Amino acid sequence: MSREGYYTRLAAVLFTATLFGAVIMKPNAGKHYIEKAAAVAAATDGAPMSTRACAIGEPALSGPFAHFEDVLSVSPLGGVTAPGEILPAPYIRINTRRAETAFKRRITSALAPAKADIIAIERKIDRDPYGRATEQNWTVHFRSCESISFYYDRINRLSDDIVRRAGGLSVFTELGGPDHVAAEVQIRVHAGDVIGEADGFDVGLHDLGATPAAMARPERYRSNPYARAAIFDAPPSLIKTITPETGRARCAIDYLPKDNQAKWVSKLGDSWGIRRAKGDNACRTALIDTPDTVQGAWYTDAAHNAATTKVSAIALAADAIDPDRLIFALHGRLPSLTPALIGLAPVKESERKSATKDFLSFEKGAGRINAPFNKTRDNEFYCYEKLRTNFVGPRVNGVILLQPKRDGDDLGFLKIEARGDVLSCIDLEEPWAFAGNETAFYR
């Protein structure tokens, strides 16, 4: 124990002894003094978990994330993300089973998976185009030892006890406006404690002692995603606490006890439990950015910062569930992919327009045709065919041609063009070249 921890605990013991002495002198005040002593003891339950060394040879997590019988599936996040989400997202989502109706999820308790300190809490309110609040979600940040931090995101309702122990909403600071507030706290929880309730939530874990993942542009993910918070006098320590160590993100399932890992791995799959994750590394929460290849996140302008609340980006990666299926997550940012290229019969123009904003999937190939994104080389052309929108949507009547380009020593930008003048890559005239309608994306 550190000297500081020793004196903290000694002070608590002496204070508690004084309180009990007072109880002897004033028996009628016993209840008040005992409650105060309990509060002091709870507040001084040893040193903060962030100052404690992680136990060698023991799992960092000791309990489940939620009641297992409520869990339908666990989705690896990070391959395909929705428009506007921060890229990449190397975490997992706990999907609950169906509720009474087909399209509603069961509400489950989000449980603390270890003895830990809650070190920060965020509350976000989503609004419709008319400014009406549609949803309230909480993010809870934990620290279980000096090397392990984790968080729960999209908790629908936070435990009333935790809100009370945090000091109430009056202690929260605005981050860019009243719809996003946060507070630093120090609340000790134990494995199995109820953190809140949700119809599904995300789990992110960061191993601060691990070597950061290799990324093409790591500085994009170290930037402050809460720059506007300075306007509202948010403490720098709060910003640091809620800014994730993206490069050290790891699969939370790997940090469970060995006898619990297998049953959670068995749940890995898509959000409705239809497709099960394939391959040895079924969790697949590693960062998708791969230096010197096209795999990863690309941005619509060279200066764009990935760590923002709105991301103008695309992602090229293997499907998080089936690594033999590749994904273009273009989200409408490829002008050459016009509605006319989307095969629908009979013609439904509205569906075609919608499909161009979806992601495209296709089977992994070899060589220059349907090449894995992590096997590409700069300045070469690659062609992708037999594409369909999402996994079961209409086919694309054409191909996609791409070429990574080097900017000095770095693979700086990527050109992509959808071509409707051919239906297969072998029909392209050699040597392959753009037809003049390509779009440039940047690392």
Protein backbone atom coordinates (compact mmCIF):
# COMPACT_ATOMS: atom_id res chain seq x y z
CA MET A 1 0.00 0.00 0.00
CA SER A 2 1.25 3.49 -0.83
CA ARG A 3 1.95 6.02 1.93
CA GLU A 4 -0.98 8.10 0.73
CA GLY A 5 -3.30 5.09 0.82
CA TYR A 6 -2.03 4.16 4.30
CA TYR A 7 -2.76 7.60 5.75
CA THR A 8 -6.15 7.75 4.02
CA ARG A 9 -7.20 4.47 5.55
CA LEU A 10 -5.72 5.41 8.96
CA ALA A 11 -7.70 8.65 8.93
CA ALA A 12 -10.86 6.76 8.12
CA VAL A 13 -10.27 4.31 10.97
CA LEU A 14 -9.61 7.10 13.47
CA PHE A 15 -12.65 9.04 12.31
CA THR A 16 -14.86 5.97 12.54
CA ALA A 17 -13.53 5.20 16.04
CA THR A 18 -14.33 8.76 17.09
CA LEU A 19 -17.88 8.39 15.78
CA PHE A 20 -18.44 5.18 17.71
CA GLY A 21 -17.05 6.84 20.81
CA ALA A 22 -19.61 9.57 20.35
CA VAL A 23 -22.33 6.92 20.09
CA ILE A 24 -21.36 5.63 23.53
CA MET A 25 -21.58 9.16 24.95
CA LYS A 26 -24.87 9.96 23.11
CA PRO A 27 -26.83 6.76 22.47
CA ASN A 28 -29.78 8.60 20.93
CA ALA A 29 -27.55 9.87 18.16
CA GLY A 30 -26.42 6.33 17.30
CA LYS A 31 -28.29 6.01 14.02
CA HIS A 32 -26.91 9.28 12.69
CA TYR A 33 -23.33 8.45 13.61
CA ILE A 34 -23.51 4.90 12.26
CA GLU A 35 -24.85 6.12 8.91
CA LYS A 36 -22.06 8.70 8.75
CA ALA A 37 -19.46 6.07 9.62
CA ALA A 38 -20.77 3.79 6.86
CA ALA A 39 -20.57 6.62 4.34
CA VAL A 40 -16.97 7.39 5.32
CA ALA A 41 -16.02 3.72 5.12
CA ALA A 42 -17.56 3.44 1.67
CA ALA A 43 -15.83 6.57 0.46
CA THR A 44 -12.44 5.34 1.65
CA ASP A 45 -12.61 1.77 0.41
CA GLY A 46 -8.90 1.79 -0.21
CA ALA A 47 -7.12 3.68 -2.97
CA PRO A 48 -8.81 4.42 -6.32
CA MET A 49 -8.83 1.38 -8.59
CA SER A 50 -6.81 3.34 -11.17
CA THR A 51 -3.83 3.31 -8.76
CA ARG A 52 -3.98 -0.42 -8.09
CA ALA A 53 -1.83 -2.88 -10.01
CA CYS A 54 -3.80 -5.41 -12.04
CA ALA A 55 -3.65 -8.90 -10.55
CA ILE A 56 -1.17 -11.06 -12.47
CA GLY A 57 -2.68 -14.21 -13.90
CA GLU A 58 -6.25 -13.26 -13.01
CA PRO A 59 -8.93 -12.07 -15.46
CA ALA A 60 -9.62 -8.35 -15.45
CA LEU A 61 -13.36 -9.00 -15.46
CA SER A 62 -15.06 -11.42 -13.11
CA GLY A 63 -18.76 -11.22 -13.89
CA PRO A 64 -21.21 -11.01 -16.82
CA PHE A 65 -22.19 -7.81 -18.63
CA ALA A 66 -25.89 -8.67 -18.32
CA HIS A 67 -28.12 -11.59 -17.36
CA PHE A 68 -27.07 -14.23 -19.88
CA GLU A 69 -30.62 -15.51 -20.41
CA ASP A 70 -31.62 -12.04 -21.69
CA VAL A 71 -28.87 -11.96 -24.34
CA LEU A 72 -29.72 -12.94 -27.91
CA SER A 73 -26.37 -12.15 -29.50
CA VAL A 74 -23.16 -10.16 -29.17
CA SER A 75 -22.22 -8.15 -32.26
CA PRO A 76 -18.61 -7.28 -33.04
CA LEU A 77 -18.51 -3.60 -34.01
CA GLY A 78 -15.88 -2.13 -36.28
CA GLY A 79 -16.35 -3.54 -39.76
CA VAL A 80 -19.47 -1.77 -40.95
CA THR A 81 -20.68 1.32 -39.15
CA ALA A 82 -23.74 3.44 -39.71
CA PRO A 83 -23.42 6.89 -41.29
CA GLY A 84 -22.22 9.46 -38.77
CA GLU A 85 -20.69 7.00 -36.30
CA ILE A 86 -17.12 7.40 -35.16
CA LEU A 87 -14.78 5.17 -37.15
CA PRO A 88 -13.49 2.69 -36.34
CA ALA A 89 -15.63 1.20 -33.56
CA PRO A 90 -13.66 -1.77 -32.18
CA TYR A 91 -16.14 -2.81 -29.50
CA ILE A 92 -19.07 -5.18 -28.97
CA ARG A 93 -22.80 -4.70 -28.60
CA ILE A 94 -24.97 -6.74 -26.27
CA ASN A 95 -28.24 -7.48 -28.12
CA THR A 96 -31.18 -8.56 -25.99
CA ARG A 97 -33.87 -11.03 -26.95
CA ARG A 98 -37.21 -10.06 -28.42
CA ALA A 99 -39.81 -8.59 -26.09
CA GLU A 100 -43.57 -9.08 -26.34
CA THR A 101 -43.66 -7.73 -29.91
CA ALA A 102 -41.50 -8.83 -32.81
CA PHE A 103 -39.56 -5.60 -33.28
CA LYS A 104 -38.96 -4.66 -29.65
CA ARG A 105 -36.09 -5.80 -27.46
CA ARG A 106 -36.24 -7.12 -23.93
CA ILE A 107 -35.10 -4.69 -21.24
CA THR A 108 -32.20 -6.12 -19.24
CA SER A 109 -30.03 -4.92 -16.36
CA ALA A 110 -26.53 -3.78 -17.29
CA LEU A 111 -24.32 -5.33 -14.60
CA ALA A 112 -20.89 -4.28 -13.39
CA PRO A 113 -18.53 -7.03 -14.69
CA ALA A 114 -15.89 -6.43 -12.00
CA LYS A 115 -15.02 -4.54 -8.88
CA ALA A 116 -14.31 -1.11 -10.32
CA ASP A 117 -14.67 2.61 -9.92
CA ILE A 118 -17.10 4.55 -12.06
CA ILE A 119 -14.89 7.48 -12.99
CA ALA A 120 -17.17 9.44 -15.32
CA ILE A 121 -20.77 9.51 -16.52
CA GLU A 122 -22.22 11.06 -19.67
CA ARG A 123 -25.83 11.74 -20.59
CA LYS A 124 -26.94 12.37 -24.18
CA ILE A 125 -30.36 13.38 -25.45
CA ASP A 126 -31.34 12.73 -29.07
CA ARG A 127 -33.90 14.99 -30.74
CA ASP A 128 -36.03 14.79 -33.87
CA PRO A 129 -35.89 17.47 -36.62
CA TYR A 130 -38.44 19.50 -34.66
CA GLY A 131 -36.29 19.64 -31.54
CA ARG A 132 -38.36 17.18 -29.53
CA ALA A 133 -36.42 14.78 -27.31
CA THR A 134 -36.70 11.24 -28.68
CA GLU A 135 -34.22 9.28 -26.58
CA GLN A 136 -31.96 9.62 -23.56
CA ASN A 137 -28.84 7.51 -23.22
CA TRP A 138 -26.06 7.22 -20.67
CA THR A 139 -22.39 6.30 -21.01
CA VAL A 140 -20.65 4.98 -17.91
CA HIS A 141 -16.83 4.90 -17.75
CA PHE A 142 -15.10 2.43 -15.39
CA ARG A 143 -11.60 1.70 -14.16
CA SER A 144 -10.89 -1.70 -12.59
CA CYS A 145 -7.11 -1.36 -12.16
CA GLU A 146 -4.26 0.79 -13.44
CA SER A 147 -4.22 -0.89 -16.88
CA ILE A 148 -7.88 -1.68 -17.58
CA SER A 149 -10.59 0.83 -18.40
CA PHE A 150 -13.94 0.02 -19.94
CA TYR A 151 -17.28 1.63 -20.59
CA TYR A 152 -20.94 0.89 -21.20
CA ASP A 153 -22.65 3.01 -23.85
CA ARG A 154 -26.32 3.51 -24.76
CA ILE A 155 -27.71 2.63 -21.35
CA ASN A 156 -31.35 3.71 -21.51
CA ARG A 157 -31.86 4.34 -17.80
CA LEU A 158 -29.09 4.81 -15.25
CA SER A 159 -29.54 3.43 -11.75
CA ASP A 160 -31.11 6.01 -9.43
CA ASP A 161 -28.58 5.05 -6.78
CA ILE A 162 -25.66 5.84 -9.09
CA VAL A 163 -27.18 9.20 -10.05
CA ARG A 164 -27.58 9.99 -6.35
CA ARG A 165 -24.03 8.92 -5.51
CA ALA A 166 -22.75 11.05 -8.38
CA GLY A 167 -24.32 14.13 -6.77
CA GLY A 168 -27.27 14.50 -9.14
CA LEU A 169 -27.41 16.17 -12.53
CA SER A 170 -26.51 19.52 -11.01
CA VAL A 171 -22.83 18.47 -10.94
CA PHE A 172 -22.75 17.65 -14.66
CA THR A 173 -20.96 19.92 -17.16
CA GLU A 174 -22.22 20.72 -20.66
CA LEU A 175 -20.19 19.34 -23.55
CA GLY A 176 -21.20 21.38 -26.58
CA GLY A 177 -24.69 22.06 -25.28
CA PRO A 178 -27.30 20.93 -22.73
CA ASP A 179 -28.08 17.72 -24.63
CA HIS A 180 -24.63 16.30 -23.83
CA VAL A 181 -23.48 16.58 -20.24
CA ALA A 182 -20.84 14.73 -18.24
CA ALA A 183 -19.28 14.55 -14.80
CA GLU A 184 -16.19 13.06 -13.17
CA VAL A 185 -17.15 10.83 -10.27
CA GLN A 186 -15.61 8.25 -7.96
CA ILE A 187 -18.18 5.55 -7.28
CA ARG A 188 -17.11 2.07 -6.20
CA VAL A 189 -19.13 -0.81 -7.64
CA HIS A 190 -18.74 -4.57 -7.38
CA ALA A 191 -19.32 -7.38 -9.84
CA GLY A 192 -23.04 -7.91 -10.29
CA ASP A 193 -24.12 -4.42 -9.20
CA VAL A 194 -26.87 -2.99 -11.39
CA ILE A 195 -25.59 -0.03 -13.40
CA GLY A 196 -28.78 0.64 -15.30
CA GLU A 197 -31.27 -0.81 -17.75
CA ALA A 198 -31.23 -1.07 -21.54
CA ASP A 199 -32.68 -2.95 -24.49
CA GLY A 200 -29.10 -3.53 -25.60
CA PHE A 201 -25.84 -1.66 -25.00
CA ASP A 202 -22.25 -1.34 -26.19
CA VAL A 203 -19.20 -2.51 -24.25
CA GLY A 204 -15.77 -1.04 -24.93
CA LEU A 205 -12.58 -2.15 -23.15
CA HIS A 206 -9.12 -0.59 -23.32
CA ASP A 207 -5.98 -2.35 -22.14
CA LEU A 208 -3.73 0.59 -21.31
CA GLY A 209 -0.74 -1.71 -20.89
CA ALA A 210 -1.08 -3.18 -24.37
CA THR A 211 0.88 -2.07 -27.42
CA PRO A 212 -1.25 0.33 -29.47
CA ALA A 213 -2.66 -1.09 -32.68
CA ALA A 214 -0.84 -0.14 -35.85
CA MET A 215 -2.87 2.48 -37.69
CA ALA A 216 -2.23 4.38 -40.87
CA ARG A 217 -3.09 7.71 -39.25
CA PRO A 218 -3.13 7.20 -35.45
CA GLU A 219 -3.20 10.95 -34.84
CA ARG A 220 -6.77 11.04 -36.18
CA TYR A 221 -7.90 8.96 -33.22
CA ARG A 222 -5.95 10.79 -30.53
CA SER A 223 -7.61 14.15 -31.14
CA ASN A 224 -10.03 15.68 -28.69
CA PRO A 225 -13.57 14.73 -29.77
CA TYR A 226 -15.02 17.31 -27.41
CA ALA A 227 -13.27 20.47 -28.64
CA ARG A 228 -16.42 22.54 -28.21
CA ALA A 229 -16.56 21.56 -24.55
CA ALA A 230 -13.93 24.22 -23.77
CA ILE A 231 -16.58 26.86 -24.45
CA PHE A 232 -18.54 25.50 -21.53
CA ASP A 233 -15.55 25.34 -19.17
CA ALA A 234 -15.38 21.58 -19.03
CA PRO A 235 -12.36 20.53 -16.91
CA PRO A 236 -9.48 19.07 -18.96
CA SER A 237 -9.41 16.10 -16.60
CA LEU A 238 -13.04 15.29 -17.51
CA ILE A 239 -12.28 15.46 -21.22
CA LYS A 240 -9.29 13.15 -20.75
CA THR A 241 -11.35 10.68 -18.75
CA ILE A 242 -14.09 10.30 -21.35
CA THR A 243 -11.79 10.27 -24.41
CA PRO A 244 -11.14 6.60 -25.32
CA GLU A 245 -7.71 5.10 -25.94
CA THR A 246 -8.84 3.82 -29.33
CA GLY A 247 -5.49 2.29 -30.24
CA ARG A 248 -5.64 0.07 -27.17
CA ALA A 249 -9.20 -1.16 -27.65
CA ARG A 250 -9.57 -4.89 -27.11
CA CYS A 251 -12.34 -7.49 -27.11
CA ALA A 252 -13.98 -7.39 -23.68
CA ILE A 253 -14.86 -11.10 -23.90
CA ASP A 254 -11.15 -11.95 -23.88
CA TYR A 255 -10.89 -10.43 -20.39
CA LEU A 256 -13.57 -12.63 -18.82
CA PRO A 257 -12.68 -15.75 -16.81
CA LYS A 258 -11.74 -18.63 -19.09
CA ASP A 259 -14.76 -20.72 -18.08
CA ASN A 260 -17.11 -17.87 -19.11
CA GLN A 261 -15.46 -16.87 -22.37
CA ALA A 262 -16.76 -19.80 -24.42
CA LYS A 263 -20.43 -19.16 -23.73
CA TRP A 264 -20.09 -15.47 -24.60
CA VAL A 265 -18.14 -16.30 -27.76
CA SER A 266 -21.01 -18.63 -28.72
CA LYS A 267 -23.27 -15.55 -28.82
CA LEU A 268 -21.11 -13.65 -31.31
CA GLY A 269 -23.11 -12.85 -34.42
CA ASP A 270 -25.37 -10.29 -36.04
CA SER A 271 -27.84 -8.16 -34.14
CA TRP A 272 -30.80 -10.56 -34.54
CA GLY A 273 -28.86 -13.78 -34.00
CA ILE A 274 -29.38 -15.00 -37.58
CA ARG A 275 -25.71 -15.14 -38.64
CA ARG A 276 -23.10 -16.50 -36.26
CA ALA A 277 -19.53 -15.16 -36.31
CA LYS A 278 -17.08 -17.33 -38.23
CA GLY A 279 -13.36 -17.89 -37.87
CA ASP A 280 -10.87 -18.27 -35.05
CA ASN A 281 -10.88 -14.63 -34.00
CA ALA A 282 -14.66 -14.47 -33.78
CA CYS A 283 -14.73 -11.31 -31.65
CA ARG A 284 -12.84 -9.37 -34.34
CA THR A 285 -12.74 -6.05 -32.51
CA ALA A 286 -9.27 -5.05 -33.68
CA LEU A 287 -8.96 -1.73 -35.46
CA ILE A 288 -9.59 -2.03 -39.17
CA ASP A 289 -7.06 0.60 -40.28
CA THR A 290 -4.15 -1.22 -41.96
CA PRO A 291 -1.10 0.85 -42.96
CA ASP A 292 -0.09 0.78 -46.65
CA THR A 293 -3.36 -0.89 -47.74
CA VAL A 294 -6.86 0.38 -48.47
CA GLN A 295 -8.40 -1.45 -45.49
CA GLY A 296 -9.78 0.99 -42.97
CA ALA A 297 -11.42 4.39 -42.78
CA TRP A 298 -11.13 7.02 -45.50
CA TYR A 299 -12.37 10.60 -45.28
CA THR A 300 -14.00 13.00 -47.68
CA ASP A 301 -11.37 15.68 -47.08
CA ALA A 302 -7.69 15.49 -46.21
CA ALA A 303 -7.96 17.43 -42.94
CA HIS A 304 -11.01 15.67 -41.50
CA ASN A 305 -10.67 14.56 -37.88
CA ALA A 306 -12.14 11.11 -37.22
CA ALA A 307 -12.87 11.83 -33.56
CA THR A 308 -15.95 13.98 -34.03
CA THR A 309 -19.65 13.60 -33.46
CA LYS A 310 -20.28 13.63 -37.22
CA VAL A 311 -18.00 11.66 -39.52
CA SER A 312 -17.85 12.16 -43.29
CA ALA A 313 -16.08 8.93 -44.03
CA ILE A 314 -16.25 5.55 -45.72
CA ALA A 315 -14.93 2.22 -44.47
CA LEU A 316 -13.43 -0.68 -46.41
CA ALA A 317 -13.18 -3.84 -44.32
CA ALA A 318 -14.10 -7.48 -43.95
CA ASP A 319 -17.54 -8.19 -42.53
CA ALA A 320 -17.34 -8.46 -38.75
CA ILE A 321 -19.38 -11.69 -38.81
CA ASP A 322 -18.00 -13.45 -41.91
CA PRO A 323 -14.39 -12.46 -42.80
CA ASP A 324 -14.77 -13.98 -46.30
CA ARG A 325 -17.34 -11.31 -47.14
CA LEU A 326 -16.00 -7.80 -47.77
CA ILE A 327 -17.77 -4.49 -47.23
CA PHE A 328 -17.79 -1.11 -48.95
CA ALA A 329 -19.45 1.15 -46.34
CA LEU A 330 -19.87 4.10 -48.72
CA HIS A 331 -23.09 5.60 -47.30
CA GLY A 332 -23.92 7.71 -50.32
CA ARG A 333 -20.48 9.31 -50.61
CA LEU A 334 -19.67 7.89 -54.05
CA PRO A 335 -21.44 10.08 -56.68
CA SER A 336 -20.68 7.63 -59.50
CA LEU A 337 -22.81 4.98 -57.77
CA THR A 338 -26.07 6.29 -59.23
CA PRO A 339 -29.57 4.86 -58.70
CA ALA A 340 -29.50 3.61 -62.31
CA LEU A 341 -26.85 1.03 -61.29
CA ILE A 342 -29.07 -0.57 -58.66
CA GLY A 343 -30.95 -3.54 -60.09
CA LEU A 344 -34.60 -3.55 -59.04
CA ALA A 345 -37.51 -5.09 -60.88
CA PRO A 346 -39.98 -3.57 -61.28
CA VAL A 347 -38.30 -0.15 -61.18
CA LYS A 348 -38.71 1.61 -57.84
CA GLU A 349 -36.83 4.87 -58.00
CA SER A 350 -37.16 5.65 -54.29
CA GLU A 351 -35.68 2.27 -53.36
CA ARG A 352 -32.85 2.73 -55.83
CA LYS A 353 -31.92 6.10 -54.33
CA SER A 354 -32.03 4.62 -50.85
CA ALA A 355 -29.84 1.69 -51.90
CA THR A 356 -27.03 4.00 -53.05
CA LYS A 357 -26.72 5.17 -49.44
CA ASP A 358 -26.42 1.62 -48.08
CA PHE A 359 -23.25 -0.44 -47.79
CA LEU A 360 -22.20 -2.92 -50.46
CA SER A 361 -21.06 -6.50 -49.78
CA PHE A 362 -19.36 -9.15 -51.92
CA GLU A 363 -17.36 -12.36 -51.70
CA LYS A 364 -13.59 -12.11 -51.22
CA GLY A 365 -11.52 -12.98 -54.27
CA ALA A 366 -7.84 -12.94 -55.20
CA GLY A 367 -5.43 -11.07 -57.42
CA ARG A 368 -6.83 -7.84 -58.83
CA ILE A 369 -10.51 -8.93 -58.72
CA ASN A 370 -12.34 -8.67 -55.39
CA ALA A 371 -8.98 -8.47 -53.66
CA PRO A 372 -8.96 -8.41 -49.84
CA PHE A 373 -8.62 -4.79 -48.75
CA ASN A 374 -5.60 -5.61 -46.58
CA LYS A 375 -3.70 -7.10 -49.54
CA THR A 376 -3.70 -4.11 -51.88
CA ARG A 377 -0.65 -2.18 -53.05
CA ASP A 378 -0.35 1.47 -53.90
CA ASN A 379 -0.78 2.76 -57.47
CA GLU A 380 -2.33 -0.50 -58.71
CA PHE A 381 -5.91 -0.80 -59.95
CA TYR A 382 -8.38 -3.22 -58.34
CA CYS A 383 -11.83 -4.17 -59.56
CA TYR A 384 -14.82 -5.40 -57.52
CA GLU A 385 -17.80 -7.23 -59.02
CA LYS A 386 -20.98 -9.14 -58.08
CA LEU A 387 -21.79 -6.49 -55.51
CA ARG A 388 -25.11 -6.24 -53.69
CA THR A 389 -26.54 -3.59 -51.41
CA ASN A 390 -26.21 -4.67 -47.74
CA PHE A 391 -26.28 -8.47 -47.46
CA VAL A 392 -29.60 -9.34 -49.11
CA GLY A 393 -30.42 -6.25 -51.17
CA PRO A 394 -30.50 -5.81 -54.95
CA ARG A 395 -27.45 -6.39 -57.13
CA VAL A 396 -25.32 -3.59 -58.52
CA ASN A 397 -25.36 -3.62 -62.32
CA GLY A 398 -21.72 -2.71 -62.70
CA VAL A 399 -18.34 -2.84 -61.01
CA ILE A 400 -16.29 -0.65 -58.71
CA LEU A 401 -12.75 0.34 -59.67
CA LEU A 402 -10.30 1.67 -57.10
CA GLN A 403 -6.69 2.80 -56.98
CA PRO A 404 -4.71 3.70 -53.84
CA LYS A 405 -2.26 6.54 -54.44
CA ARG A 406 0.87 7.40 -52.52
CA ASP A 407 1.41 10.92 -51.18
CA GLY A 408 5.12 11.12 -50.43
CA ASP A 409 6.02 8.36 -47.97
CA ASP A 410 2.40 7.65 -46.99
CA LEU A 411 -0.54 6.03 -48.73
CA GLY A 412 -2.31 9.37 -48.80
CA PHE A 413 -5.46 9.03 -50.86
CA LEU A 414 -7.73 6.58 -52.60
CA LYS A 415 -9.70 7.01 -55.84
CA ILE A 416 -12.93 5.06 -56.36
CA GLU A 417 -15.33 4.94 -59.30
CA ALA A 418 -18.48 2.92 -59.96
CA ARG A 419 -18.71 1.78 -63.58
CA GLY A 420 -21.99 0.83 -65.22
CA ASP A 421 -20.59 0.24 -68.71
CA VAL A 422 -19.53 -3.33 -67.80
CA LEU A 423 -21.05 -6.06 -65.63
CA SER A 424 -17.84 -7.91 -64.76
CA CYS A 425 -14.22 -6.99 -64.23
CA ILE A 426 -12.94 -9.10 -67.14
CA ASP A 427 -15.03 -6.92 -69.47
CA LEU A 428 -12.94 -3.85 -68.57
CA GLU A 429 -10.53 -2.82 -71.28
CA GLU A 430 -6.87 -3.28 -70.35
CA PRO A 431 -5.02 -1.47 -68.95
CA TRP A 432 -7.65 -0.56 -66.35
CA ALA A 433 -8.27 3.15 -65.96
CA PHE A 434 -10.89 5.54 -64.62
CA ALA A 435 -13.49 6.97 -66.95
CA GLY A 436 -13.24 10.43 -65.39
CA ASN A 437 -15.91 10.16 -62.69
CA GLU A 438 -13.76 8.98 -59.79
CA THR A 439 -13.97 10.33 -56.21
CA ALA A 440 -10.90 10.91 -54.01
CA PHE A 441 -10.88 9.96 -50.33
CA TYR A 442 -8.12 10.70 -47.85
CA ARG A 443 -6.45 9.05 -44.90
